[in-house]
Amino acid sequence: MEYIRKVSIGSDYKSSMNYIVGQKVLRTYTIHVITQESDGGVKVYVENEKKEIFLWKSFNIAMPVSLEYNVNY
């Protein structure tokens, strides 16, 4: 299984929105996992201080996406 570390959303890579696993968002949440659906869409899940996981953002295939995977040696 390939683990996604970072997703960049937007047509221009230099000015795209970046979401990275482990990044703090909304003050009390941390990005927990980023998944790519079978149809090409991307979902971003966050975790709160109580270790509860929630779907935070979802991007469909019409949105330009660049994925960065973990590289383990």
PDB file of N, CA and C in Angstrom:
ATOM      1  N   MET A   1       0.839  -1.190   0.000  1.00  0.00           N
ATOM      2  CA  MET A   1       0.000   0.000   0.000  1.00  0.00           C
ATOM      3  C   MET A   1       0.878   1.246   0.000  1.00  0.00           C
ATOM      4  N   GLU A   2       0.522   2.214  -0.800  1.00  0.00           N
ATOM      5  CA  GLU A   2       1.263   3.465  -0.867  1.00  0.00           C
ATOM      6  C   GLU A   2       0.606   4.486   0.049  1.00  0.00           C
ATOM      7  N   TYR A   3       1.410   5.143   0.864  1.00  0.00           N
ATOM      8  CA  TYR A   3       0.891   6.147   1.788  1.00  0.00           C
ATOM      9  C   TYR A   3       1.148   7.540   1.243  1.00  0.00           C
ATOM     10  N   ILE A   4       0.086   8.330   1.164  1.00  0.00           N
ATOM     11  CA  ILE A   4       0.201   9.701   0.673  1.00  0.00           C
ATOM     12  C   ILE A   4       0.645  10.590   1.827  1.00  0.00           C
ATOM     13  N   ARG A   5       1.713  11.356   1.615  1.00  0.00           N
ATOM     14  CA  ARG A   5       2.258  12.252   2.624  1.00  0.00           C
ATOM     15  C   ARG A   5       1.742  13.669   2.453  1.00  0.00           C
ATOM     16  N   LYS A   6       1.526  14.069   1.184  1.00  0.00           N
ATOM     17  CA  LYS A   6       1.156  15.454   0.900  1.00  0.00           C
ATOM     18  C   LYS A   6       0.291  15.504  -0.345  1.00  0.00           C
ATOM     19  N   VAL A   7      -0.682  16.410  -0.338  1.00  0.00           N
ATOM     20  CA  VAL A   7      -1.491  16.662  -1.528  1.00  0.00           C
ATOM     21  C   VAL A   7      -1.482  18.167  -1.790  1.00  0.00           C
ATOM     22  N   SER A   8      -1.298  18.531  -3.058  1.00  0.00           N
ATOM     23  CA  SER A   8      -1.350  19.925  -3.484  1.00  0.00           C
ATOM     24  C   SER A   8      -2.541  20.056  -4.414  1.00  0.00           C
ATOM     25  N   ILE A   9      -3.432  20.992  -4.112  1.00  0.00           N
ATOM     26  CA  ILE A   9      -4.673  21.169  -4.847  1.00  0.00           C
ATOM     27  C   ILE A   9      -4.641  22.513  -5.572  1.00  0.00           C
ATOM     28  N   GLY A  10      -4.831  22.494  -6.893  1.00  0.00           N
ATOM     29  CA  GLY A  10      -4.891  23.729  -7.665  1.00  0.00           C
ATOM     30  C   GLY A  10      -4.238  23.580  -9.022  1.00  0.00           C
ATOM     31  N   SER A  11      -4.627  24.429  -9.940  1.00  0.00           N
ATOM     32  CA  SER A  11      -4.121  24.331 -11.313  1.00  0.00           C
ATOM     33  C   SER A  11      -2.688  24.825 -11.453  1.00  0.00           C
ATOM     34  N   ASP A  12      -2.262  25.728 -10.584  1.00  0.00           N
ATOM     35  CA  ASP A  12      -0.893  26.240 -10.610  1.00  0.00           C
ATOM     36  C   ASP A  12      -0.167  25.704  -9.380  1.00  0.00           C
ATOM     37  N   TYR A  13       0.796  24.815  -9.585  1.00  0.00           N
ATOM     38  CA  TYR A  13       1.459  24.139  -8.468  1.00  0.00           C
ATOM     39  C   TYR A  13       2.092  25.128  -7.480  1.00  0.00           C
ATOM     40  N   LYS A  14       2.653  26.211  -7.978  1.00  0.00           N
ATOM     41  CA  LYS A  14       3.325  27.175  -7.105  1.00  0.00           C
ATOM     42  C   LYS A  14       2.357  27.888  -6.157  1.00  0.00           C
ATOM     43  N   SER A  15       1.111  28.040  -6.541  1.00  0.00           N
ATOM     44  CA  SER A  15       0.152  28.740  -5.684  1.00  0.00           C
ATOM     45  C   SER A  15      -0.960  27.810  -5.188  1.00  0.00           C
ATOM     46  N   SER A  16      -0.721  26.506  -5.235  1.00  0.00           N
ATOM     47  CA  SER A  16      -1.738  25.541  -4.811  1.00  0.00           C
ATOM     48  C   SER A  16      -1.832  25.471  -3.286  1.00  0.00           C
ATOM     49  N   MET A  17      -2.946  24.921  -2.811  1.00  0.00           N
ATOM     50  CA  MET A  17      -3.131  24.671  -1.378  1.00  0.00           C
ATOM     51  C   MET A  17      -2.488  23.338  -1.056  1.00  0.00           C
ATOM     52  N   ASN A  18      -1.682  23.298   0.002  1.00  0.00           N
ATOM     53  CA  ASN A  18      -0.974  22.087   0.384  1.00  0.00           C
ATOM     54  C   ASN A  18      -1.508  21.549   1.704  1.00  0.00           C
ATOM     55  N   TYR A  19      -1.699  20.237   1.744  1.00  0.00           N
ATOM     56  CA  TYR A  19      -2.143  19.556   2.958  1.00  0.00           C
ATOM     57  C   TYR A  19      -1.162  18.417   3.216  1.00  0.00           C
ATOM     58  N   ILE A  20      -0.562  18.399   4.416  1.00  0.00           N
ATOM     59  CA  ILE A  20       0.484  17.443   4.753  1.00  0.00           C
ATOM     60  C   ILE A  20       0.064  16.664   5.995  1.00  0.00           C
ATOM     61  N   VAL A  21       0.250  15.342   5.950  1.00  0.00           N
ATOM     62  CA  VAL A  21      -0.065  14.516   7.113  1.00  0.00           C
ATOM     63  C   VAL A  21       0.775  15.008   8.290  1.00  0.00           C
ATOM     64  N   GLY A  22       0.120  15.212   9.432  1.00  0.00           N
ATOM     65  CA  GLY A  22       0.790  15.729  10.624  1.00  0.00           C
ATOM     66  C   GLY A  22       0.658  17.233  10.800  1.00  0.00           C
ATOM     67  N   GLN A  23       0.174  17.932   9.786  1.00  0.00           N
ATOM     68  CA  GLN A  23       0.012  19.391   9.826  1.00  0.00           C
ATOM     69  C   GLN A  23      -1.147  19.763  10.749  1.00  0.00           C
ATOM     70  N   LYS A  24      -0.950  20.773  11.581  1.00  0.00           N
ATOM     71  CA  LYS A  24      -2.005  21.293  12.450  1.00  0.00           C
ATOM     72  C   LYS A  24      -2.953  22.166  11.631  1.00  0.00           C
ATOM     73  N   VAL A  25      -4.258  21.951  11.831  1.00  0.00           N
ATOM     74  CA  VAL A  25      -5.277  22.743  11.145  1.00  0.00           C
ATOM     75  C   VAL A  25      -6.382  23.077  12.129  1.00  0.00           C
ATOM     76  N   LEU A  26      -7.044  24.192  11.935  1.00  0.00           N
ATOM     77  CA  LEU A  26      -8.176  24.602  12.774  1.00  0.00           C
ATOM     78  C   LEU A  26      -7.858  24.565  14.265  1.00  0.00           C
ATOM     79  N   ARG A  27      -6.642  24.897  14.620  1.00  0.00           N
ATOM     80  CA  ARG A  27      -6.147  25.008  16.001  1.00  0.00           C
ATOM     81  C   ARG A  27      -6.067  23.699  16.771  1.00  0.00           C
ATOM     82  N   THR A  28      -7.103  22.874  16.743  1.00  0.00           N
ATOM     83  CA  THR A  28      -7.102  21.671  17.591  1.00  0.00           C
ATOM     84  C   THR A  28      -7.082  20.362  16.799  1.00  0.00           C
ATOM     85  N   TYR A  29      -6.955  20.423  15.493  1.00  0.00           N
ATOM     86  CA  TYR A  29      -6.963  19.220  14.665  1.00  0.00           C
ATOM     87  C   TYR A  29      -5.615  19.028  13.981  1.00  0.00           C
ATOM     88  N   THR A  30      -5.322  17.779  13.654  1.00  0.00           N
ATOM     89  CA  THR A  30      -4.120  17.421  12.919  1.00  0.00           C
ATOM     90  C   THR A  30      -4.534  16.557  11.732  1.00  0.00           C
ATOM     91  N   ILE A  31      -3.936  16.791  10.576  1.00  0.00           N
ATOM     92  CA  ILE A  31      -4.247  15.948   9.424  1.00  0.00           C
ATOM     93  C   ILE A  31      -3.740  14.545   9.732  1.00  0.00           C
ATOM     94  N   HIS A  32      -4.645  13.588   9.701  1.00  0.00           N
ATOM     95  CA  HIS A  32      -4.350  12.205  10.095  1.00  0.00           C
ATOM     96  C   HIS A  32      -3.955  11.341   8.898  1.00  0.00           C
ATOM     97  N   VAL A  33      -4.743  11.397   7.846  1.00  0.00           N
ATOM     98  CA  VAL A  33      -4.467  10.570   6.665  1.00  0.00           C
ATOM     99  C   VAL A  33      -5.077  11.238   5.430  1.00  0.00           C
ATOM    100  N   ILE A  34      -4.443  11.008   4.288  1.00  0.00           N
ATOM    101  CA  ILE A  34      -4.941  11.481   2.999  1.00  0.00           C
ATOM    102  C   ILE A  34      -5.130  10.239   2.137  1.00  0.00           C
ATOM    103  N   THR A  35      -6.309  10.096   1.544  1.00  0.00           N
ATOM    104  CA  THR A  35      -6.583   8.914   0.725  1.00  0.00           C
ATOM    105  C   THR A  35      -6.994   9.330  -0.681  1.00  0.00           C
ATOM    106  N   GLN A  36      -6.729   8.439  -1.633  1.00  0.00           N
ATOM    107  CA  GLN A  36      -7.197   8.641  -2.998  1.00  0.00           C
ATOM    108  C   GLN A  36      -8.237   7.570  -3.287  1.00  0.00           C
ATOM    109  N   GLU A  37      -9.395   7.995  -3.721  1.00  0.00           N
ATOM    110  CA  GLU A  37     -10.505   7.085  -4.014  1.00  0.00           C
ATOM    111  C   GLU A  37     -10.288   6.402  -5.365  1.00  0.00           C
ATOM    112  N   SER A  38     -11.026   5.340  -5.610  1.00  0.00           N
ATOM    113  CA  SER A  38     -10.881   4.590  -6.866  1.00  0.00           C
ATOM    114  C   SER A  38     -11.255   5.434  -8.089  1.00  0.00           C
ATOM    115  N   ASP A  39     -12.105   6.445  -7.897  1.00  0.00           N
ATOM    116  CA  ASP A  39     -12.485   7.317  -9.019  1.00  0.00           C
ATOM    117  C   ASP A  39     -11.505   8.473  -9.224  1.00  0.00           C
ATOM    118  N   GLY A  40     -10.452   8.553  -8.404  1.00  0.00           N
ATOM    119  CA  GLY A  40      -9.447   9.600  -8.539  1.00  0.00           C
ATOM    120  C   GLY A  40      -9.604  10.750  -7.570  1.00  0.00           C
ATOM    121  N   GLY A  41     -10.735  10.832  -6.871  1.00  0.00           N
ATOM    122  CA  GLY A  41     -10.940  11.879  -5.869  1.00  0.00           C
ATOM    123  C   GLY A  41     -10.018  11.700  -4.675  1.00  0.00           C
ATOM    124  N   VAL A  42      -9.825  12.768  -3.925  1.00  0.00           N
ATOM    125  CA  VAL A  42      -8.938  12.753  -2.762  1.00  0.00           C
ATOM    126  C   VAL A  42      -9.722  13.184  -1.533  1.00  0.00           C
ATOM    127  N   LYS A  43      -9.485  12.509  -0.395  1.00  0.00           N
ATOM    128  CA  LYS A  43     -10.121  12.869   0.873  1.00  0.00           C
ATOM    129  C   LYS A  43      -9.055  13.101   1.934  1.00  0.00           C
ATOM    130  N   VAL A  44      -9.301  14.131   2.760  1.00  0.00           N
ATOM    131  CA  VAL A  44      -8.381  14.495   3.836  1.00  0.00           C
ATOM    132  C   VAL A  44      -9.115  14.301   5.161  1.00  0.00           C
ATOM    133  N   TYR A  45      -8.551  13.466   6.026  1.00  0.00           N
ATOM    134  CA  TYR A  45      -9.136  13.190   7.335  1.00  0.00           C
ATOM    135  C   TYR A  45      -8.297  13.853   8.417  1.00  0.00           C
ATOM    136  N   VAL A  46      -8.979  14.380   9.457  1.00  0.00           N
ATOM    137  CA  VAL A  46      -8.302  15.020  10.574  1.00  0.00           C
ATOM    138  C   VAL A  46      -8.602  14.265  11.866  1.00  0.00           C
ATOM    139  N   GLU A  47      -7.721  14.473  12.838  1.00  0.00           N
ATOM    140  CA  GLU A  47      -7.865  13.851  14.153  1.00  0.00           C
ATOM    141  C   GLU A  47      -7.889  14.948  15.213  1.00  0.00           C
ATOM    142  N   ASN A  48      -8.804  14.823  16.186  1.00  0.00           N
ATOM    143  CA  ASN A  48      -8.863  15.823  17.249  1.00  0.00           C
ATOM    144  C   ASN A  48      -8.061  15.359  18.458  1.00  0.00           C
ATOM    145  N   GLU A  49      -8.097  16.134  19.529  1.00  0.00           N
ATOM    146  CA  GLU A  49      -7.324  15.827  20.736  1.00  0.00           C
ATOM    147  C   GLU A  49      -7.805  14.557  21.430  1.00  0.00           C
ATOM    148  N   LYS A  50      -9.047  14.157  21.164  1.00  0.00           N
ATOM    149  CA  LYS A  50      -9.602  12.929  21.757  1.00  0.00           C
ATOM    150  C   LYS A  50      -9.335  11.705  20.893  1.00  0.00           C
ATOM    151  N   LYS A  51      -8.503  11.862  19.862  1.00  0.00           N
ATOM    152  CA  LYS A  51      -8.146  10.786  18.933  1.00  0.00           C
ATOM    153  C   LYS A  51      -9.321  10.335  18.060  1.00  0.00           C
ATOM    154  N   GLU A  52     -10.321  11.207  17.873  1.00  0.00           N
ATOM    155  CA  GLU A  52     -11.439  10.927  16.978  1.00  0.00           C
ATOM    156  C   GLU A  52     -11.059  11.409  15.583  1.00  0.00           C
ATOM    157  N   ILE A  53     -11.421  10.639  14.573  1.00  0.00           N
ATOM    158  CA  ILE A  53     -11.046  10.954  13.196  1.00  0.00           C
ATOM    159  C   ILE A  53     -12.294  11.333  12.405  1.00  0.00           C
ATOM    160  N   PHE A  54     -12.176  12.440  11.644  1.00  0.00           N
ATOM    161  CA  PHE A  54     -13.291  12.985  10.871  1.00  0.00           C
ATOM    162  C   PHE A  54     -12.841  13.299   9.453  1.00  0.00           C
ATOM    163  N   LEU A  55     -13.764  13.146   8.488  1.00  0.00           N
ATOM    164  CA  LEU A  55     -13.510  13.610   7.126  1.00  0.00           C
ATOM    165  C   LEU A  55     -13.568  15.129   7.146  1.00  0.00           C
ATOM    166  N   TRP A  56     -12.514  15.784   6.676  1.00  0.00           N
ATOM    167  CA  TRP A  56     -12.444  17.240   6.704  1.00  0.00           C
ATOM    168  C   TRP A  56     -12.668  17.836   5.311  1.00  0.00           C
ATOM    169  N   LYS A  57     -11.987  17.307   4.305  1.00  0.00           N
ATOM    170  CA  LYS A  57     -12.099  17.853   2.956  1.00  0.00           C
ATOM    171  C   LYS A  57     -12.169  16.712   1.948  1.00  0.00           C
ATOM    172  N   SER A  58     -12.864  16.995   0.864  1.00  0.00           N
ATOM    173  CA  SER A  58     -12.983  16.030  -0.219  1.00  0.00           C
ATOM    174  C   SER A  58     -12.850  16.787  -1.533  1.00  0.00           C
ATOM    175  N   PHE A  59     -12.010  16.283  -2.429  1.00  0.00           N
ATOM    176  CA  PHE A  59     -11.780  16.921  -3.723  1.00  0.00           C
ATOM    177  C   PHE A  59     -12.137  15.928  -4.820  1.00  0.00           C
ATOM    178  N   ASN A  60     -12.920  16.380  -5.819  1.00  0.00           N
ATOM    179  CA  ASN A  60     -13.302  15.477  -6.890  1.00  0.00           C
ATOM    180  C   ASN A  60     -12.246  15.474  -7.985  1.00  0.00           C
ATOM    181  N   ILE A  61     -12.445  14.622  -8.976  1.00  0.00           N
ATOM    182  CA  ILE A  61     -11.432  14.445 -10.018  1.00  0.00           C
ATOM    183  C   ILE A  61     -11.311  15.648 -10.953  1.00  0.00           C
ATOM    184  N   ALA A  62     -12.268  16.553 -10.915  1.00  0.00           N
ATOM    185  CA  ALA A  62     -12.198  17.745 -11.768  1.00  0.00           C
ATOM    186  C   ALA A  62     -11.150  18.742 -11.262  1.00  0.00           C
ATOM    187  N   MET A  63     -10.770  18.625  -9.993  1.00  0.00           N
ATOM    188  CA  MET A  63      -9.791  19.525  -9.386  1.00  0.00           C
ATOM    189  C   MET A  63      -8.379  18.992  -9.653  1.00  0.00           C
ATOM    190  N   PRO A  64      -7.475  19.825 -10.193  1.00  0.00           N
ATOM    191  CA  PRO A  64      -6.095  19.365 -10.405  1.00  0.00           C
ATOM    192  C   PRO A  64      -5.424  19.039  -9.069  1.00  0.00           C
ATOM    193  N   VAL A  65      -4.824  17.850  -8.992  1.00  0.00           N
ATOM    194  CA  VAL A  65      -4.226  17.356  -7.749  1.00  0.00           C
ATOM    195  C   VAL A  65      -2.830  16.826  -8.025  1.00  0.00           C
ATOM    196  N   SER A  66      -1.897  17.134  -7.125  1.00  0.00           N
ATOM    197  CA  SER A  66      -0.560  16.553  -7.169  1.00  0.00           C
ATOM    198  C   SER A  66      -0.342  15.825  -5.847  1.00  0.00           C
ATOM    199  N   LEU A  67       0.023  14.542  -5.921  1.00  0.00           N
ATOM    200  CA  LEU A  67       0.221  13.739  -4.719  1.00  0.00           C
ATOM    201  C   LEU A  67       1.701  13.490  -4.486  1.00  0.00           C
ATOM    202  N   GLU A  68       2.097  13.476  -3.218  1.00  0.00           N
ATOM    203  CA  GLU A  68       3.457  13.137  -2.833  1.00  0.00           C
ATOM    204  C   GLU A  68       3.362  11.965  -1.865  1.00  0.00           C
ATOM    205  N   TYR A  69       4.097  10.907  -2.145  1.00  0.00           N
ATOM    206  CA  TYR A  69       4.027   9.697  -1.335  1.00  0.00           C
ATOM    207  C   TYR A  69       5.195   9.616  -0.370  1.00  0.00           C
ATOM    208  N   ASN A  70       5.012   8.851   0.718  1.00  0.00           N
ATOM    209  CA  ASN A  70       6.114   8.571   1.633  1.00  0.00           C
ATOM    210  C   ASN A  70       7.138   7.711   0.916  1.00  0.00           C
ATOM    211  N   VAL A  71       8.398   7.977   1.176  1.00  0.00           N
ATOM    212  CA  VAL A  71       9.466   7.167   0.621  1.00  0.00           C
ATOM    213  C   VAL A  71      10.200   6.537   1.801  1.00  0.00           C
ATOM    214  N   ASN A  72      10.088   5.238   1.942  1.00  0.00           N
ATOM    215  CA  ASN A  72      10.762   4.537   3.037  1.00  0.00           C
ATOM    216  C   ASN A  72      11.891   3.686   2.466  1.00  0.00           C
ATOM    217  N   TYR A  73      13.098   3.928   2.954  1.00  0.00           N
ATOM    218  CA  TYR A  73      14.266   3.164   2.496  1.00  0.00           C
ATOM    219  C   TYR A  73      14.578   2.056   3.460  1.00  0.00           C
TER     220      TYR A  73
END
